[in-house]
């Protein structure tokens, strides 16, 4: 009898270890965000750094499903593939802010609840300094999950994009990063998504925040290998009081439009500030010269019809 009880205790213990996070789509405790949820705001630009078809054999080249435009706008099953260890940086019209519940969600295109590929998610307030969400993977690491094998239980996964099937995004809550240095969780301007190389071979393996190897389908030496980014939806968007100034063009690419952005008429005493409130420069004649300004999001303030107004200007690198 004691042996039986011991075995049952071990089984229960293992269940508790591997079943402590939200379950798949359709289950009562699932926290996935539907792409059809009202009020979502989607990424407006994507900068891609594609990875290899297989990191173990770089001579095969990199992914070719690499149209970065497929990662912006609403999730629609048109994706950009990151390849082994590849990454993409998504920016937004307005910064993401920490609000009630999850603040944004990352969408992949998995066709069901078990054939999944994962990615790390990092955020930045300036496009330079990124902080990674602490991911957890309690999936077994004794046997490699092959390219057509199933993820046994998504309840063993936390803070890894790709946990849910197409049409449902993995949520991320900025409150988890409230003690991080180098970012302002009330003003996140960039989200970086990095493909997890799911190999359990320590030569190539990626690890979660607790030092566990992350096991997901690998190798996948196909033109669309790695994490397939379908879009990033903002749930909590920063709202700047008096955000009524308009610019043209906005966003603007550095070096385009002669390096000038025009502010609507009737605005005077304009000044540019960083997202952290640091004064950068004054603006003359209603024309913002972007030469010398690094890519990022800026606050522009000025007087219009006797009232102080502000607006956000995005400069793309």
C-alpha atoms as a PDB file:
ATOM      1  CA  UNK A   1       0.000   0.000   0.000  1.00  0.00           C
ATOM      2  CA  UNK A   2       2.780   2.439   0.908  1.00  0.00           C
ATOM      3  CA  UNK A   3       4.395   1.904  -2.514  1.00  0.00           C
ATOM      4  CA  UNK A   4       1.121   2.700  -4.265  1.00  0.00           C
ATOM      5  CA  UNK A   5       0.644   5.840  -2.204  1.00  0.00           C
ATOM      6  CA  UNK A   6       4.188   6.919  -2.989  1.00  0.00           C
ATOM      7  CA  UNK A   7       3.662   6.465  -6.733  1.00  0.00           C
ATOM      8  CA  UNK A   8       0.409   8.435  -6.596  1.00  0.00           C
ATOM      9  CA  UNK A   9       2.137  11.210  -4.684  1.00  0.00           C
ATOM     10  CA  UNK A  10       4.882  11.396  -7.300  1.00  0.00           C
ATOM     11  CA  UNK A  11       2.346  11.558 -10.122  1.00  0.00           C
ATOM     12  CA  UNK A  12       0.374  14.299  -8.397  1.00  0.00           C
ATOM     13  CA  UNK A  13       3.557  16.218  -7.716  1.00  0.00           C
ATOM     14  CA  UNK A  14       4.514  16.057 -11.366  1.00  0.00           C
ATOM     15  CA  UNK A  15       1.051  17.228 -12.411  1.00  0.00           C
ATOM     16  CA  UNK A  16       1.354  20.245 -10.129  1.00  0.00           C
ATOM     17  CA  UNK A  17       4.755  21.137 -11.559  1.00  0.00           C
ATOM     18  CA  UNK A  18       3.638  20.842 -15.162  1.00  0.00           C
ATOM     19  CA  UNK A  19       0.133  22.268 -14.927  1.00  0.00           C
ATOM     20  CA  UNK A  20       0.407  25.584 -13.156  1.00  0.00           C
ATOM     21  CA  UNK A  21      -0.123  28.036 -16.047  1.00  0.00           C
ATOM     22  CA  UNK A  22      -3.194  28.817 -18.208  1.00  0.00           C
ATOM     23  CA  UNK A  23      -4.466  26.099 -20.509  1.00  0.00           C
ATOM     24  CA  UNK A  24      -5.153  26.002 -24.262  1.00  0.00           C
ATOM     25  CA  UNK A  25      -7.825  27.969 -26.116  1.00  0.00           C
ATOM     26  CA  UNK A  26     -11.322  26.946 -25.125  1.00  0.00           C
ATOM     27  CA  UNK A  27     -10.452  25.885 -21.588  1.00  0.00           C
ATOM     28  CA  UNK A  28     -11.913  27.847 -18.642  1.00  0.00           C
ATOM     29  CA  UNK A  29      -8.582  29.195 -17.421  1.00  0.00           C
ATOM     30  CA  UNK A  30      -7.188  30.173 -20.848  1.00  0.00           C
ATOM     31  CA  UNK A  31      -5.889  33.764 -20.941  1.00  0.00           C
ATOM     32  CA  UNK A  32      -5.393  34.033 -24.718  1.00  0.00           C
ATOM     33  CA  UNK A  33      -6.407  37.288 -26.420  1.00  0.00           C
ATOM     34  CA  UNK A  34      -8.663  36.893 -29.453  1.00  0.00           C
ATOM     35  CA  UNK A  35      -7.636  38.853 -32.539  1.00  0.00           C
ATOM     36  CA  UNK A  36     -11.305  39.868 -32.805  1.00  0.00           C
ATOM     37  CA  UNK A  37     -11.356  41.511 -29.371  1.00  0.00           C
ATOM     38  CA  UNK A  38     -12.694  45.074 -29.726  1.00  0.00           C
ATOM     39  CA  UNK A  39     -10.365  47.985 -29.054  1.00  0.00           C
ATOM     40  CA  UNK A  40      -7.070  46.365 -30.026  1.00  0.00           C
ATOM     41  CA  UNK A  41      -4.443  48.621 -31.611  1.00  0.00           C
ATOM     42  CA  UNK A  42      -1.846  46.973 -33.854  1.00  0.00           C
ATOM     43  CA  UNK A  43       1.843  47.517 -34.580  1.00  0.00           C
ATOM     44  CA  UNK A  44       2.663  49.990 -37.348  1.00  0.00           C
ATOM     45  CA  UNK A  45       6.190  48.982 -38.410  1.00  0.00           C
ATOM     46  CA  UNK A  46       8.520  45.998 -38.268  1.00  0.00           C
ATOM     47  CA  UNK A  47      12.302  45.722 -38.483  1.00  0.00           C
ATOM     48  CA  UNK A  48      13.348  42.139 -39.230  1.00  0.00           C
ATOM     49  CA  UNK A  49      16.600  40.269 -38.530  1.00  0.00           C
ATOM     50  CA  UNK A  50      15.984  36.854 -40.138  1.00  0.00           C
ATOM     51  CA  UNK A  51      17.567  33.695 -38.784  1.00  0.00           C
ATOM     52  CA  UNK A  52      18.884  30.515 -40.418  1.00  0.00           C
ATOM     53  CA  UNK A  53      16.844  27.607 -41.725  1.00  0.00           C
ATOM     54  CA  UNK A  54      18.783  25.594 -39.181  1.00  0.00           C
ATOM     55  CA  UNK A  55      21.407  27.016 -36.876  1.00  0.00           C
ATOM     56  CA  UNK A  56      23.207  23.657 -36.997  1.00  0.00           C
ATOM     57  CA  UNK A  57      23.892  24.072 -40.724  1.00  0.00           C
ATOM     58  CA  UNK A  58      24.121  27.792 -41.614  1.00  0.00           C
ATOM     59  CA  UNK A  59      25.218  27.000 -45.169  1.00  0.00           C
ATOM     60  CA  UNK A  60      21.554  26.236 -45.969  1.00  0.00           C
ATOM     61  CA  UNK A  61      20.868  29.950 -45.686  1.00  0.00           C
ATOM     62  CA  UNK A  62      18.154  31.981 -44.015  1.00  0.00           C
ATOM     63  CA  UNK A  63      14.370  31.991 -44.112  1.00  0.00           C
ATOM     64  CA  UNK A  64      12.697  33.360 -47.226  1.00  0.00           C
ATOM     65  CA  UNK A  65       9.224  34.056 -45.810  1.00  0.00           C
ATOM     66  CA  UNK A  66      10.590  37.417 -44.755  1.00  0.00           C
ATOM     67  CA  UNK A  67       8.173  40.171 -45.779  1.00  0.00           C
ATOM     68  CA  UNK A  68       8.248  42.319 -42.644  1.00  0.00           C
ATOM     69  CA  UNK A  69       4.991  44.055 -43.617  1.00  0.00           C
ATOM     70  CA  UNK A  70       3.105  40.855 -42.745  1.00  0.00           C
ATOM     71  CA  UNK A  71       3.925  41.432 -39.063  1.00  0.00           C
ATOM     72  CA  UNK A  72       2.113  44.773 -38.846  1.00  0.00           C
ATOM     73  CA  UNK A  73      -1.584  45.447 -38.723  1.00  0.00           C
ATOM     74  CA  UNK A  74      -4.213  42.987 -37.445  1.00  0.00           C
ATOM     75  CA  UNK A  75      -3.381  39.290 -37.195  1.00  0.00           C
ATOM     76  CA  UNK A  76      -4.674  37.672 -40.383  1.00  0.00           C
ATOM     77  CA  UNK A  77      -2.578  34.499 -40.761  1.00  0.00           C
ATOM     78  CA  UNK A  78      -0.161  36.276 -43.129  1.00  0.00           C
ATOM     79  CA  UNK A  79       3.140  36.046 -41.267  1.00  0.00           C
ATOM     80  CA  UNK A  80       6.841  36.767 -41.315  1.00  0.00           C
ATOM     81  CA  UNK A  81       9.002  33.799 -40.287  1.00  0.00           C
ATOM     82  CA  UNK A  82      11.944  34.532 -38.000  1.00  0.00           C
ATOM     83  CA  UNK A  83      14.102  31.437 -38.596  1.00  0.00           C
ATOM     84  CA  UNK A  84      16.393  29.901 -35.987  1.00  0.00           C
ATOM     85  CA  UNK A  85      17.172  32.661 -33.508  1.00  0.00           C
ATOM     86  CA  UNK A  86      15.882  35.424 -35.788  1.00  0.00           C
ATOM     87  CA  UNK A  87      14.102  38.464 -34.403  1.00  0.00           C
ATOM     88  CA  UNK A  88      11.695  41.266 -35.243  1.00  0.00           C
ATOM     89  CA  UNK A  89      11.173  44.651 -33.589  1.00  0.00           C
ATOM     90  CA  UNK A  90       7.666  46.088 -33.742  1.00  0.00           C
ATOM     91  CA  UNK A  91       6.863  49.755 -33.094  1.00  0.00           C
ATOM     92  CA  UNK A  92       3.554  51.499 -32.528  1.00  0.00           C
ATOM     93  CA  UNK A  93       1.780  54.770 -33.176  1.00  0.00           C
ATOM     94  CA  UNK A  94       1.597  55.362 -29.425  1.00  0.00           C
ATOM     95  CA  UNK A  95       3.522  53.703 -26.592  1.00  0.00           C
ATOM     96  CA  UNK A  96       2.158  50.757 -24.648  1.00  0.00           C
ATOM     97  CA  UNK A  97       1.441  51.480 -21.001  1.00  0.00           C
ATOM     98  CA  UNK A  98       0.969  49.317 -17.926  1.00  0.00           C
ATOM     99  CA  UNK A  99      -2.730  49.124 -17.171  1.00  0.00           C
ATOM    100  CA  UNK A 100      -5.176  46.643 -15.725  1.00  0.00           C
ATOM    101  CA  UNK A 101      -4.434  43.078 -16.819  1.00  0.00           C
ATOM    102  CA  UNK A 102      -2.341  42.221 -19.890  1.00  0.00           C
ATOM    103  CA  UNK A 103      -1.031  45.188 -21.872  1.00  0.00           C
ATOM    104  CA  UNK A 104      -0.290  43.605 -25.255  1.00  0.00           C
ATOM    105  CA  UNK A 105      -0.443  40.243 -27.006  1.00  0.00           C
ATOM    106  CA  UNK A 106       1.777  38.497 -29.561  1.00  0.00           C
ATOM    107  CA  UNK A 107       0.169  36.390 -32.302  1.00  0.00           C
ATOM    108  CA  UNK A 108       1.549  33.336 -34.140  1.00  0.00           C
ATOM    109  CA  UNK A 109      -0.148  31.178 -36.790  1.00  0.00           C
ATOM    110  CA  UNK A 110      -0.160  27.668 -35.287  1.00  0.00           C
ATOM    111  CA  UNK A 111      -2.945  25.660 -36.923  1.00  0.00           C
ATOM    112  CA  UNK A 112      -3.972  23.898 -33.697  1.00  0.00           C
ATOM    113  CA  UNK A 113      -3.338  23.856 -29.947  1.00  0.00           C
ATOM    114  CA  UNK A 114      -0.316  21.539 -29.983  1.00  0.00           C
ATOM    115  CA  UNK A 115       1.885  22.181 -33.029  1.00  0.00           C
ATOM    116  CA  UNK A 116       3.500  25.283 -31.579  1.00  0.00           C
ATOM    117  CA  UNK A 117       6.694  27.325 -31.967  1.00  0.00           C
ATOM    118  CA  UNK A 118       7.879  29.770 -29.331  1.00  0.00           C
ATOM    119  CA  UNK A 119       9.620  33.120 -29.015  1.00  0.00           C
ATOM    120  CA  UNK A 120      11.052  35.292 -26.270  1.00  0.00           C
ATOM    121  CA  UNK A 121       9.500  38.750 -25.870  1.00  0.00           C
ATOM    122  CA  UNK A 122      11.423  41.875 -24.869  1.00  0.00           C
ATOM    123  CA  UNK A 123      10.337  45.502 -24.487  1.00  0.00           C
ATOM    124  CA  UNK A 124      12.056  48.880 -24.689  1.00  0.00           C
ATOM    125  CA  UNK A 125      11.244  52.529 -24.053  1.00  0.00           C
ATOM    126  CA  UNK A 126      13.903  53.864 -26.410  1.00  0.00           C
ATOM    127  CA  UNK A 127      14.590  51.143 -28.986  1.00  0.00           C
ATOM    128  CA  UNK A 128      18.051  50.517 -27.538  1.00  0.00           C
ATOM    129  CA  UNK A 129      17.690  49.023 -24.072  1.00  0.00           C
ATOM    130  CA  UNK A 130      15.476  45.920 -23.986  1.00  0.00           C
ATOM    131  CA  UNK A 131      14.223  43.890 -21.033  1.00  0.00           C
ATOM    132  CA  UNK A 132      13.015  40.320 -21.495  1.00  0.00           C
ATOM    133  CA  UNK A 133       9.865  38.915 -19.932  1.00  0.00           C
ATOM    134  CA  UNK A 134      10.885  36.039 -17.618  1.00  0.00           C
ATOM    135  CA  UNK A 135       9.847  32.963 -19.582  1.00  0.00           C
ATOM    136  CA  UNK A 136       9.229  29.519 -18.108  1.00  0.00           C
ATOM    137  CA  UNK A 137       9.227  26.140 -19.853  1.00  0.00           C
ATOM    138  CA  UNK A 138       8.615  22.989 -17.816  1.00  0.00           C
ATOM    139  CA  UNK A 139       8.365  20.751 -20.874  1.00  0.00           C
ATOM    140  CA  UNK A 140      10.504  17.612 -20.666  1.00  0.00           C
ATOM    141  CA  UNK A 141      14.007  17.835 -22.130  1.00  0.00           C
ATOM    142  CA  UNK A 142      14.909  14.143 -22.385  1.00  0.00           C
ATOM    143  CA  UNK A 143      13.528  13.739 -25.912  1.00  0.00           C
ATOM    144  CA  UNK A 144      13.783  16.317 -28.685  1.00  0.00           C
ATOM    145  CA  UNK A 145      10.407  17.503 -29.984  1.00  0.00           C
ATOM    146  CA  UNK A 146      10.702  16.964 -33.718  1.00  0.00           C
ATOM    147  CA  UNK A 147       9.383  19.201 -36.510  1.00  0.00           C
ATOM    148  CA  UNK A 148       6.020  17.410 -36.677  1.00  0.00           C
ATOM    149  CA  UNK A 149       5.633  16.490 -33.020  1.00  0.00           C
ATOM    150  CA  UNK A 150       3.180  17.998 -30.560  1.00  0.00           C
ATOM    151  CA  UNK A 151       3.795  20.162 -27.510  1.00  0.00           C
ATOM    152  CA  UNK A 152       2.436  17.939 -24.732  1.00  0.00           C
ATOM    153  CA  UNK A 153       0.897  20.547 -22.426  1.00  0.00           C
ATOM    154  CA  UNK A 154       0.786  24.353 -22.743  1.00  0.00           C
ATOM    155  CA  UNK A 155       0.137  24.569 -19.003  1.00  0.00           C
ATOM    156  CA  UNK A 156       3.896  24.066 -18.637  1.00  0.00           C
ATOM    157  CA  UNK A 157       4.597  27.352 -20.435  1.00  0.00           C
ATOM    158  CA  UNK A 158       4.625  30.987 -19.340  1.00  0.00           C
ATOM    159  CA  UNK A 159       5.703  34.242 -21.040  1.00  0.00           C
ATOM    160  CA  UNK A 160       6.575  32.509 -24.299  1.00  0.00           C
ATOM    161  CA  UNK A 161       4.906  33.918 -27.402  1.00  0.00           C
ATOM    162  CA  UNK A 162       3.345  31.226 -29.572  1.00  0.00           C
ATOM    163  CA  UNK A 163       1.609  29.410 -26.748  1.00  0.00           C
ATOM    164  CA  UNK A 164      -1.759  29.658 -28.512  1.00  0.00           C
ATOM    165  CA  UNK A 165      -3.074  28.772 -31.951  1.00  0.00           C
ATOM    166  CA  UNK A 166      -3.692  31.198 -34.813  1.00  0.00           C
ATOM    167  CA  UNK A 167      -6.134  33.979 -34.035  1.00  0.00           C
ATOM    168  CA  UNK A 168      -5.283  34.006 -30.334  1.00  0.00           C
ATOM    169  CA  UNK A 169      -2.409  36.012 -28.902  1.00  0.00           C
ATOM    170  CA  UNK A 170      -0.182  35.270 -25.937  1.00  0.00           C
ATOM    171  CA  UNK A 171      -0.726  38.086 -23.385  1.00  0.00           C
ATOM    172  CA  UNK A 172       2.045  40.005 -21.621  1.00  0.00           C
ATOM    173  CA  UNK A 173       1.645  42.173 -18.524  1.00  0.00           C
ATOM    174  CA  UNK A 174       4.184  44.982 -18.085  1.00  0.00           C
ATOM    175  CA  UNK A 175       3.606  44.906 -14.332  1.00  0.00           C
ATOM    176  CA  UNK A 176       5.899  41.853 -14.280  1.00  0.00           C
ATOM    177  CA  UNK A 177       8.754  44.173 -15.265  1.00  0.00           C
ATOM    178  CA  UNK A 178       8.027  46.973 -12.778  1.00  0.00           C
ATOM    179  CA  UNK A 179      11.375  46.560 -11.026  1.00  0.00           C
ATOM    180  CA  UNK A 180      13.419  46.440 -14.226  1.00  0.00           C
ATOM    181  CA  UNK A 181      16.144  48.976 -14.915  1.00  0.00           C
ATOM    182  CA  UNK A 182      16.385  50.853 -18.205  1.00  0.00           C
ATOM    183  CA  UNK A 183      12.717  50.879 -19.236  1.00  0.00           C
ATOM    184  CA  UNK A 184       9.608  52.845 -18.343  1.00  0.00           C
ATOM    185  CA  UNK A 185       6.670  50.425 -18.208  1.00  0.00           C
ATOM    186  CA  UNK A 186       4.306  53.358 -18.690  1.00  0.00           C
ATOM    187  CA  UNK A 187       5.929  54.118 -22.044  1.00  0.00           C
ATOM    188  CA  UNK A 188       6.966  51.078 -24.078  1.00  0.00           C
ATOM    189  CA  UNK A 189       7.741  52.041 -27.665  1.00  0.00           C
ATOM    190  CA  UNK A 190       9.329  48.831 -29.032  1.00  0.00           C
ATOM    191  CA  UNK A 191       8.596  45.112 -28.671  1.00  0.00           C
ATOM    192  CA  UNK A 192      11.219  42.622 -29.802  1.00  0.00           C
ATOM    193  CA  UNK A 193      10.259  39.026 -30.587  1.00  0.00           C
ATOM    194  CA  UNK A 194      13.140  36.484 -30.725  1.00  0.00           C
ATOM    195  CA  UNK A 195      12.718  32.968 -32.051  1.00  0.00           C
ATOM    196  CA  UNK A 196      13.469  30.243 -29.527  1.00  0.00           C
ATOM    197  CA  UNK A 197      15.839  27.638 -30.931  1.00  0.00           C
ATOM    198  CA  UNK A 198      14.023  24.644 -29.526  1.00  0.00           C
ATOM    199  CA  UNK A 199      16.980  22.250 -29.616  1.00  0.00           C
ATOM    200  CA  UNK A 200      17.814  20.341 -26.452  1.00  0.00           C
ATOM    201  CA  UNK A 201      21.406  20.079 -27.697  1.00  0.00           C
ATOM    202  CA  UNK A 202      23.301  22.443 -25.376  1.00  0.00           C
ATOM    203  CA  UNK A 203      25.342  23.645 -28.359  1.00  0.00           C
ATOM    204  CA  UNK A 204      22.261  25.401 -29.733  1.00  0.00           C
ATOM    205  CA  UNK A 205      19.723  25.401 -26.883  1.00  0.00           C
ATOM    206  CA  UNK A 206      17.900  28.430 -25.532  1.00  0.00           C
ATOM    207  CA  UNK A 207      17.030  28.635 -21.849  1.00  0.00           C
ATOM    208  CA  UNK A 208      14.143  30.052 -19.843  1.00  0.00           C
ATOM    209  CA  UNK A 209      14.479  32.454 -16.905  1.00  0.00           C
ATOM    210  CA  UNK A 210      15.031  29.539 -14.512  1.00  0.00           C
ATOM    211  CA  UNK A 211      17.780  27.946 -16.564  1.00  0.00           C
ATOM    212  CA  UNK A 212      15.617  25.229 -18.141  1.00  0.00           C
ATOM    213  CA  UNK A 213      16.230  24.260 -21.754  1.00  0.00           C
ATOM    214  CA  UNK A 214      13.218  25.162 -23.915  1.00  0.00           C
ATOM    215  CA  UNK A 215      12.116  22.215 -26.054  1.00  0.00           C
ATOM    216  CA  UNK A 216      10.016  22.977 -29.129  1.00  0.00           C
ATOM    217  CA  UNK A 217       9.868  21.590 -32.707  1.00  0.00           C
ATOM    218  CA  UNK A 218      13.414  21.428 -34.102  1.00  0.00           C
ATOM    219  CA  UNK A 219      14.993  21.264 -36.570  1.00  0.00           C
ATOM    220  CA  UNK A 220      12.570  22.802 -39.058  1.00  0.00           C
ATOM    221  CA  UNK A 221      14.735  23.513 -42.137  1.00  0.00           C
ATOM    222  CA  UNK A 222      11.951  25.044 -44.192  1.00  0.00           C
ATOM    223  CA  UNK A 223      11.545  28.432 -45.870  1.00  0.00           C
ATOM    224  CA  UNK A 224       9.099  29.422 -43.131  1.00  0.00           C
ATOM    225  CA  UNK A 225      10.948  27.919 -40.180  1.00  0.00           C
ATOM    226  CA  UNK A 226      11.046  29.333 -36.690  1.00  0.00           C
ATOM    227  CA  UNK A 227       8.492  31.526 -34.990  1.00  0.00           C
ATOM    228  CA  UNK A 228       5.902  32.940 -37.418  1.00  0.00           C
ATOM    229  CA  UNK A 229       4.939  36.449 -36.305  1.00  0.00           C
ATOM    230  CA  UNK A 230       1.390  37.404 -37.262  1.00  0.00           C
ATOM    231  CA  UNK A 231       1.157  40.685 -35.360  1.00  0.00           C
ATOM    232  CA  UNK A 232       1.268  42.406 -31.984  1.00  0.00           C
ATOM    233  CA  UNK A 233      -1.877  43.916 -30.510  1.00  0.00           C
ATOM    234  CA  UNK A 234      -1.821  46.692 -27.919  1.00  0.00           C
ATOM    235  CA  UNK A 235      -4.454  46.440 -25.200  1.00  0.00           C
ATOM    236  CA  UNK A 236      -3.361  49.350 -23.006  1.00  0.00           C
ATOM    237  CA  UNK A 237      -2.220  52.321 -25.087  1.00  0.00           C
ATOM    238  CA  UNK A 238      -0.684  55.433 -23.576  1.00  0.00           C
ATOM    239  CA  UNK A 239      -3.021  58.409 -23.557  1.00  0.00           C
ATOM    240  CA  UNK A 240      -1.291  61.762 -23.420  1.00  0.00           C
ATOM    241  CA  UNK A 241      -3.502  64.589 -22.220  1.00  0.00           C
ATOM    242  CA  UNK A 242      -3.835  67.265 -24.870  1.00  0.00           C
ATOM    243  CA  UNK A 243      -2.543  64.990 -27.632  1.00  0.00           C
ATOM    244  CA  UNK A 244      -3.985  67.159 -30.373  1.00  0.00           C
ATOM    245  CA  UNK A 245      -0.989  68.259 -32.412  1.00  0.00           C
ATOM    246  CA  UNK A 246      -0.724  66.741 -35.870  1.00  0.00           C
ATOM    247  CA  UNK A 247       2.375  66.203 -37.985  1.00  0.00           C
ATOM    248  CA  UNK A 248       3.045  65.267 -41.571  1.00  0.00           C
ATOM    249  CA  UNK A 249       4.492  62.770 -42.198  1.00  0.00           C
ATOM    250  CA  UNK A 250       4.135  60.730 -39.007  1.00  0.00           C
ATOM    251  CA  UNK A 251       5.801  58.243 -38.640  1.00  0.00           C
ATOM    252  CA  UNK A 252       8.759  59.572 -40.618  1.00  0.00           C
ATOM    253  CA  UNK A 253      11.801  57.622 -41.747  1.00  0.00           C
ATOM    254  CA  UNK A 254      15.157  59.210 -40.988  1.00  0.00           C
ATOM    255  CA  UNK A 255      16.522  60.684 -44.198  1.00  0.00           C
ATOM    256  CA  UNK A 256      13.134  60.852 -45.922  1.00  0.00           C
ATOM    257  CA  UNK A 257      11.149  63.987 -46.757  1.00  0.00           C
ATOM    258  CA  UNK A 258      14.300  66.078 -46.655  1.00  0.00           C
ATOM    259  CA  UNK A 259      14.573  65.398 -42.937  1.00  0.00           C
ATOM    260  CA  UNK A 260      11.603  67.673 -42.196  1.00  0.00           C
ATOM    261  CA  UNK A 261       8.257  67.157 -40.491  1.00  0.00           C
ATOM    262  CA  UNK A 262       5.603  69.854 -40.755  1.00  0.00           C
ATOM    263  CA  UNK A 263       3.364  70.816 -37.848  1.00  0.00           C
ATOM    264  CA  UNK A 264      -0.122  72.093 -38.584  1.00  0.00           C
ATOM    265  CA  UNK A 265      -0.504  75.864 -38.785  1.00  0.00           C
ATOM    266  CA  UNK A 266      -1.349  77.934 -35.763  1.00  0.00           C
ATOM    267  CA  UNK A 267       1.210  76.308 -33.472  1.00  0.00           C
ATOM    268  CA  UNK A 268       4.023  78.273 -31.864  1.00  0.00           C
ATOM    269  CA  UNK A 269       6.683  77.878 -29.160  1.00  0.00           C
ATOM    270  CA  UNK A 270       7.268  74.259 -30.087  1.00  0.00           C
ATOM    271  CA  UNK A 271       9.705  72.042 -28.184  1.00  0.00           C
ATOM    272  CA  UNK A 272      10.734  68.387 -28.483  1.00  0.00           C
ATOM    273  CA  UNK A 273      11.071  66.092 -25.480  1.00  0.00           C
ATOM    274  CA  UNK A 274      12.078  62.465 -25.020  1.00  0.00           C
ATOM    275  CA  UNK A 275       9.499  59.974 -23.741  1.00  0.00           C
ATOM    276  CA  UNK A 276      11.153  60.376 -20.332  1.00  0.00           C
ATOM    277  CA  UNK A 277      10.425  64.116 -20.392  1.00  0.00           C
ATOM    278  CA  UNK A 278      13.972  65.275 -21.155  1.00  0.00           C
ATOM    279  CA  UNK A 279      14.123  68.496 -23.217  1.00  0.00           C
ATOM    280  CA  UNK A 280      15.844  67.970 -26.567  1.00  0.00           C
ATOM    281  CA  UNK A 281      15.432  71.094 -28.695  1.00  0.00           C
ATOM    282  CA  UNK A 282      13.162  73.927 -29.745  1.00  0.00           C
ATOM    283  CA  UNK A 283      11.391  73.971 -33.103  1.00  0.00           C
ATOM    284  CA  UNK A 284      11.424  76.989 -35.396  1.00  0.00           C
ATOM    285  CA  UNK A 285       8.816  77.982 -37.997  1.00  0.00           C
ATOM    286  CA  UNK A 286       6.617  74.936 -37.392  1.00  0.00           C
ATOM    287  CA  UNK A 287       9.101  72.607 -39.105  1.00  0.00           C
ATOM    288  CA  UNK A 288      10.782  69.819 -37.161  1.00  0.00           C
ATOM    289  CA  UNK A 289      14.266  69.000 -38.405  1.00  0.00           C
ATOM    290  CA  UNK A 290      14.816  65.339 -37.581  1.00  0.00           C
ATOM    291  CA  UNK A 291      18.503  65.337 -38.517  1.00  0.00           C
ATOM    292  CA  UNK A 292      20.492  64.101 -35.540  1.00  0.00           C
ATOM    293  CA  UNK A 293      17.488  62.586 -33.787  1.00  0.00           C
ATOM    294  CA  UNK A 294      17.813  58.809 -33.330  1.00  0.00           C
ATOM    295  CA  UNK A 295      14.891  56.555 -34.151  1.00  0.00           C
ATOM    296  CA  UNK A 296      12.244  56.504 -31.455  1.00  0.00           C
ATOM    297  CA  UNK A 297       9.103  58.202 -30.182  1.00  0.00           C
ATOM    298  CA  UNK A 298       9.166  61.858 -29.123  1.00  0.00           C
ATOM    299  CA  UNK A 299       6.735  64.242 -27.457  1.00  0.00           C
ATOM    300  CA  UNK A 300       6.273  67.608 -29.148  1.00  0.00           C
ATOM    301  CA  UNK A 301       4.662  70.417 -27.151  1.00  0.00           C
ATOM    302  CA  UNK A 302       3.502  73.843 -28.297  1.00  0.00           C
ATOM    303  CA  UNK A 303       0.900  76.589 -27.936  1.00  0.00           C
ATOM    304  CA  UNK A 304      -2.122  76.440 -30.237  1.00  0.00           C
ATOM    305  CA  UNK A 305      -4.900  79.022 -29.995  1.00  0.00           C
ATOM    306  CA  UNK A 306      -3.688  79.998 -26.550  1.00  0.00           C
ATOM    307  CA  UNK A 307      -3.646  76.446 -25.160  1.00  0.00           C
ATOM    308  CA  UNK A 308      -0.777  74.068 -24.528  1.00  0.00           C
ATOM    309  CA  UNK A 309      -1.002  71.071 -26.844  1.00  0.00           C
ATOM    310  CA  UNK A 310       1.152  67.998 -27.291  1.00  0.00           C
ATOM    311  CA  UNK A 311       1.553  65.242 -29.814  1.00  0.00           C
ATOM    312  CA  UNK A 312       3.707  62.213 -30.445  1.00  0.00           C
ATOM    313  CA  UNK A 313       6.152  61.956 -33.327  1.00  0.00           C
ATOM    314  CA  UNK A 314       7.664  58.608 -34.342  1.00  0.00           C
ATOM    315  CA  UNK A 315      11.000  58.596 -36.155  1.00  0.00           C
ATOM    316  CA  UNK A 316      11.890  55.299 -37.783  1.00  0.00           C
ATOM    317  CA  UNK A 317      15.621  54.433 -38.079  1.00  0.00           C
END
